């Protein structure tokens, strides 16, 4: 399976902002433009106030691209449907600390299914909430907007939390992707990269641009500059 090398800057276009009437073509376009992963937001209308993609569509996406599918489960009780998303072809399954009561069990089950486990937290959730499970994950996703809708404004007050999670990871920081989602653009990517993020979910910044290749390159360059400082 294609994908970025660990430690490299990863750009993951979020198909929440794509033209869903031509989703296969949109994915092919960002793949050709240099995307590393495809970010897939799953919403249930309960945990977040919106309803989006499910396993059947993810299975269709799996047939449309060789890129890793980075599936973000914004759903209540994600442990009930892990097998369906794994079978559909997800490479990564990320669950919310706020949504899974038995988080250790949920993350362990994701790995048992042969999928890379991730944990995410909302803007108001402190970094310490995920400290007990960091040894179980390959990815930490920090939301820099309140999840549920694309195109929201970046919450700059979340940036210090990214740095705090980087510290909590300690020696494991080199092994774990630290991903950011919400309002990521060439204007904001430098701040989150400087705080320690190395994977960047971008929706409107890519899919609402006139040139996907230039948009992805701008995000990658901005992150790389910040990480070199």
Protein backbone atom coordinates (compact mmCIF):
# COMPACT_ATOMS: atom_id res chain seq x y z
CA UNK A 1 0.00 0.00 0.00
CA UNK A 2 1.32 3.42 -0.97
CA UNK A 3 1.87 6.05 1.67
CA UNK A 4 4.26 8.53 3.21
CA UNK A 5 7.29 7.41 5.15
CA UNK A 6 7.05 7.77 8.93
CA UNK A 7 8.27 11.19 10.02
CA UNK A 8 7.63 12.82 6.63
CA UNK A 9 5.08 15.57 6.09
CA UNK A 10 1.75 13.94 5.23
CA UNK A 11 -1.04 15.75 3.40
CA UNK A 12 -4.45 14.07 3.62
CA UNK A 13 -7.21 15.73 1.56
CA UNK A 14 -10.58 15.45 3.30
CA UNK A 15 -13.26 14.31 0.88
CA UNK A 16 -15.89 15.99 3.07
CA UNK A 17 -15.12 19.11 1.00
CA UNK A 18 -14.95 17.32 -2.37
CA UNK A 19 -17.66 17.32 -5.03
CA UNK A 20 -19.58 14.20 -4.01
CA UNK A 21 -21.29 13.97 -7.39
CA UNK A 22 -17.88 13.11 -8.89
CA UNK A 23 -16.10 11.61 -5.91
CA UNK A 24 -14.05 9.06 -7.84
CA UNK A 25 -12.70 11.76 -10.13
CA UNK A 26 -11.93 14.02 -7.17
CA UNK A 27 -9.92 11.30 -5.45
CA UNK A 28 -8.03 10.53 -8.65
CA UNK A 29 -7.26 14.23 -9.03
CA UNK A 30 -5.78 14.68 -5.55
CA UNK A 31 -3.86 11.40 -5.87
CA UNK A 32 -2.31 12.71 -9.10
CA UNK A 33 -1.66 16.05 -7.38
CA UNK A 34 0.52 14.49 -4.69
CA UNK A 35 -1.78 13.55 -1.78
CA UNK A 36 -0.37 11.02 0.68
CA UNK A 37 -3.61 9.73 2.23
CA UNK A 38 -7.33 10.18 1.64
CA UNK A 39 -9.10 11.39 4.78
CA UNK A 40 -12.64 10.06 5.21
CA UNK A 41 -14.95 11.60 7.80
CA UNK A 42 -17.69 9.30 9.09
CA UNK A 43 -20.49 11.07 10.99
CA UNK A 44 -23.57 9.51 12.54
CA UNK A 45 -25.81 12.50 13.26
CA UNK A 46 -25.53 11.80 17.02
CA UNK A 47 -21.94 12.28 18.15
CA UNK A 48 -21.75 15.17 15.68
CA UNK A 49 -24.65 17.07 14.05
CA UNK A 50 -24.20 15.70 10.55
CA UNK A 51 -24.57 12.43 8.66
CA UNK A 52 -22.02 11.22 6.11
CA UNK A 53 -20.28 8.20 4.63
CA UNK A 54 -20.60 4.59 5.74
CA UNK A 55 -18.86 1.27 5.01
CA UNK A 56 -20.39 0.68 1.53
CA UNK A 57 -19.06 3.97 0.21
CA UNK A 58 -15.68 3.38 1.83
CA UNK A 59 -15.54 0.05 0.02
CA UNK A 60 -16.14 1.96 -3.23
CA UNK A 61 -13.35 4.41 -2.34
CA UNK A 62 -11.03 1.47 -1.69
CA UNK A 63 -11.53 0.34 -5.28
CA UNK A 64 -10.91 3.88 -6.57
CA UNK A 65 -7.46 4.54 -5.08
CA UNK A 66 -4.24 2.88 -3.94
CA UNK A 67 -3.69 5.58 -1.29
CA UNK A 68 -4.24 4.75 2.38
CA UNK A 69 -7.77 5.51 3.60
CA UNK A 70 -7.51 7.51 6.82
CA UNK A 71 -10.96 6.93 8.32
CA UNK A 72 -12.06 9.22 11.15
CA UNK A 73 -15.02 7.78 13.05
CA UNK A 74 -17.06 10.64 14.52
CA UNK A 75 -19.68 8.23 15.81
CA UNK A 76 -21.10 7.03 19.09
CA UNK A 77 -19.94 3.60 20.31
CA UNK A 78 -17.49 3.03 17.42
CA UNK A 79 -16.66 -0.41 18.80
CA UNK A 80 -19.98 -1.69 17.40
CA UNK A 81 -18.92 -1.24 13.77
CA UNK A 82 -15.12 -1.60 13.64
CA UNK A 83 -15.32 -4.87 11.72
CA UNK A 84 -17.44 -3.25 8.99
CA UNK A 85 -15.00 -0.39 8.42
CA UNK A 86 -12.00 -2.71 8.46
CA UNK A 87 -13.68 -5.02 5.93
CA UNK A 88 -14.52 -2.01 3.75
CA UNK A 89 -10.81 -1.28 3.34
CA UNK A 90 -9.84 1.34 5.91
CA UNK A 91 -6.09 1.49 6.53
CA UNK A 92 -6.45 3.65 9.62
CA UNK A 93 -9.38 3.88 12.02
CA UNK A 94 -9.40 6.80 14.42
CA UNK A 95 -11.90 6.95 17.28
CA UNK A 96 -12.75 9.74 19.70
CA UNK A 97 -11.73 9.57 23.32
CA UNK A 98 -15.12 11.18 24.07
CA UNK A 99 -17.10 8.48 22.21
CA UNK A 100 -15.68 5.15 23.33
CA UNK A 101 -16.30 4.10 26.92
CA UNK A 102 -13.84 1.19 26.80
CA UNK A 103 -11.13 2.92 24.78
CA UNK A 104 -8.32 0.46 25.49
CA UNK A 105 -10.46 -2.41 24.23
CA UNK A 106 -11.57 -0.47 21.15
CA UNK A 107 -8.03 0.47 20.09
CA UNK A 108 -6.75 -3.05 20.70
CA UNK A 109 -9.57 -4.46 18.60
CA UNK A 110 -8.70 -2.14 15.69
CA UNK A 111 -5.17 -3.52 15.65
CA UNK A 112 -6.46 -7.10 15.90
CA UNK A 113 -8.41 -6.39 12.71
CA UNK A 114 -5.16 -5.54 10.92
CA UNK A 115 -5.88 -1.81 10.83
CA UNK A 116 -3.74 1.00 12.23
CA UNK A 117 -5.42 2.47 15.35
CA UNK A 118 -5.71 6.17 16.10
CA UNK A 119 -7.25 8.29 18.84
CA UNK A 120 -8.67 11.77 18.49
CA UNK A 121 -9.86 14.50 20.81
CA UNK A 122 -12.12 17.52 20.43
CA UNK A 123 -10.84 21.08 20.94
CA UNK A 124 -12.13 21.32 24.52
CA UNK A 125 -10.70 17.93 25.60
CA UNK A 126 -7.33 18.21 27.37
CA UNK A 127 -4.27 16.40 26.10
CA UNK A 128 -4.07 14.33 29.29
CA UNK A 129 -7.31 12.53 28.39
CA UNK A 130 -5.49 10.34 25.87
CA UNK A 131 -2.33 9.76 27.93
CA UNK A 132 -3.45 6.29 29.15
CA UNK A 133 -3.80 4.92 25.60
CA UNK A 134 -0.88 6.47 23.73
CA UNK A 135 1.03 3.19 23.84
CA UNK A 136 -1.78 1.57 21.81
CA UNK A 137 -1.95 3.98 18.86
CA UNK A 138 -0.11 4.76 15.64
CA UNK A 139 -1.81 8.13 15.21
CA UNK A 140 -3.15 10.97 17.35
CA UNK A 141 -5.62 13.32 15.68
CA UNK A 142 -6.10 16.77 17.20
CA UNK A 143 -9.25 18.58 16.13
CA UNK A 144 -8.69 22.30 15.58
CA UNK A 145 -12.41 22.86 14.96
CA UNK A 146 -15.44 21.34 16.64
CA UNK A 147 -16.19 18.35 14.40
CA UNK A 148 -19.29 17.96 12.31
CA UNK A 149 -18.93 20.34 9.39
CA UNK A 150 -16.26 21.25 6.83
CA UNK A 151 -14.99 24.74 6.17
CA UNK A 152 -14.87 25.97 9.77
CA UNK A 153 -12.43 28.53 11.14
CA UNK A 154 -9.21 27.24 12.70
CA UNK A 155 -9.10 27.48 16.52
CA UNK A 156 -5.63 28.83 17.29
CA UNK A 157 -6.05 28.19 21.02
CA UNK A 158 -5.68 24.45 20.34
CA UNK A 159 -2.08 24.79 19.10
CA UNK A 160 -0.46 24.49 22.57
CA UNK A 161 -2.29 21.17 23.01
CA UNK A 162 -0.47 19.76 19.97
CA UNK A 163 2.84 20.56 21.64
CA UNK A 164 1.59 19.02 24.89
CA UNK A 165 0.70 15.77 23.11
CA UNK A 166 4.10 15.73 21.45
CA UNK A 167 5.65 15.87 24.91
CA UNK A 168 3.34 13.15 26.23
CA UNK A 169 4.40 10.88 23.39
CA UNK A 170 8.01 11.24 24.50
CA UNK A 171 10.20 8.59 22.88
CA UNK A 172 7.21 7.27 20.89
CA UNK A 173 6.86 10.60 19.05
CA UNK A 174 8.99 9.33 16.18
CA UNK A 175 6.67 6.33 15.74
CA UNK A 176 3.27 8.04 15.95
CA UNK A 177 1.68 10.36 13.40
CA UNK A 178 0.49 13.57 15.04
CA UNK A 179 -2.34 14.70 12.79
CA UNK A 180 -4.35 17.94 12.76
CA UNK A 181 -7.80 18.44 11.26
CA UNK A 182 -9.85 21.63 10.99
CA UNK A 183 -9.19 24.89 9.19
CA UNK A 184 -5.78 23.72 7.97
CA UNK A 185 -4.54 25.97 5.16
CA UNK A 186 -1.26 27.52 4.01
CA UNK A 187 -1.98 30.28 6.52
CA UNK A 188 -2.34 27.95 9.54
CA UNK A 189 -0.20 24.91 8.70
CA UNK A 190 3.03 26.49 9.92
CA UNK A 191 1.76 26.96 13.48
CA UNK A 192 0.59 23.37 13.88
CA UNK A 193 3.71 21.98 12.24
CA UNK A 194 5.93 24.04 14.55
CA UNK A 195 4.00 22.60 17.51
CA UNK A 196 4.85 19.07 16.38
CA UNK A 197 2.22 17.92 13.87
CA UNK A 198 3.40 15.98 10.83
CA UNK A 199 0.10 14.94 9.22
CA UNK A 200 -2.34 17.54 7.93
CA UNK A 201 -5.96 17.05 6.96
CA UNK A 202 -7.18 19.74 4.57
CA UNK A 203 -10.56 19.98 2.92
CA UNK A 204 -11.55 23.40 1.62
CA UNK A 205 -7.91 24.48 1.25
CA UNK A 206 -7.52 21.81 -1.43
CA UNK A 207 -10.91 21.06 -2.93
CA UNK A 208 -12.02 24.70 -3.13
CA UNK A 209 -8.77 25.73 -4.81
CA UNK A 210 -8.26 26.15 -8.55
CA UNK A 211 -5.17 23.91 -8.61
CA UNK A 212 -5.01 20.85 -6.37
CA UNK A 213 -1.32 20.28 -7.04
CA UNK A 214 -0.37 23.82 -6.03
CA UNK A 215 -2.60 23.66 -2.96
CA UNK A 216 -1.03 20.41 -1.72
CA UNK A 217 2.48 21.67 -2.48
CA UNK A 218 1.81 24.88 -0.54
CA UNK A 219 0.66 22.93 2.52
CA UNK A 220 3.64 20.61 2.33
CA UNK A 221 6.13 23.46 1.90
CA UNK A 222 4.63 25.50 4.74
CA UNK A 223 4.76 22.53 7.10
CA UNK A 224 8.31 21.61 6.07
CA UNK A 225 9.57 25.16 6.66
CA UNK A 226 8.05 25.27 10.13
CA UNK A 227 9.45 21.87 11.07
CA UNK A 228 12.98 22.94 10.08
CA UNK A 229 13.01 25.94 12.40
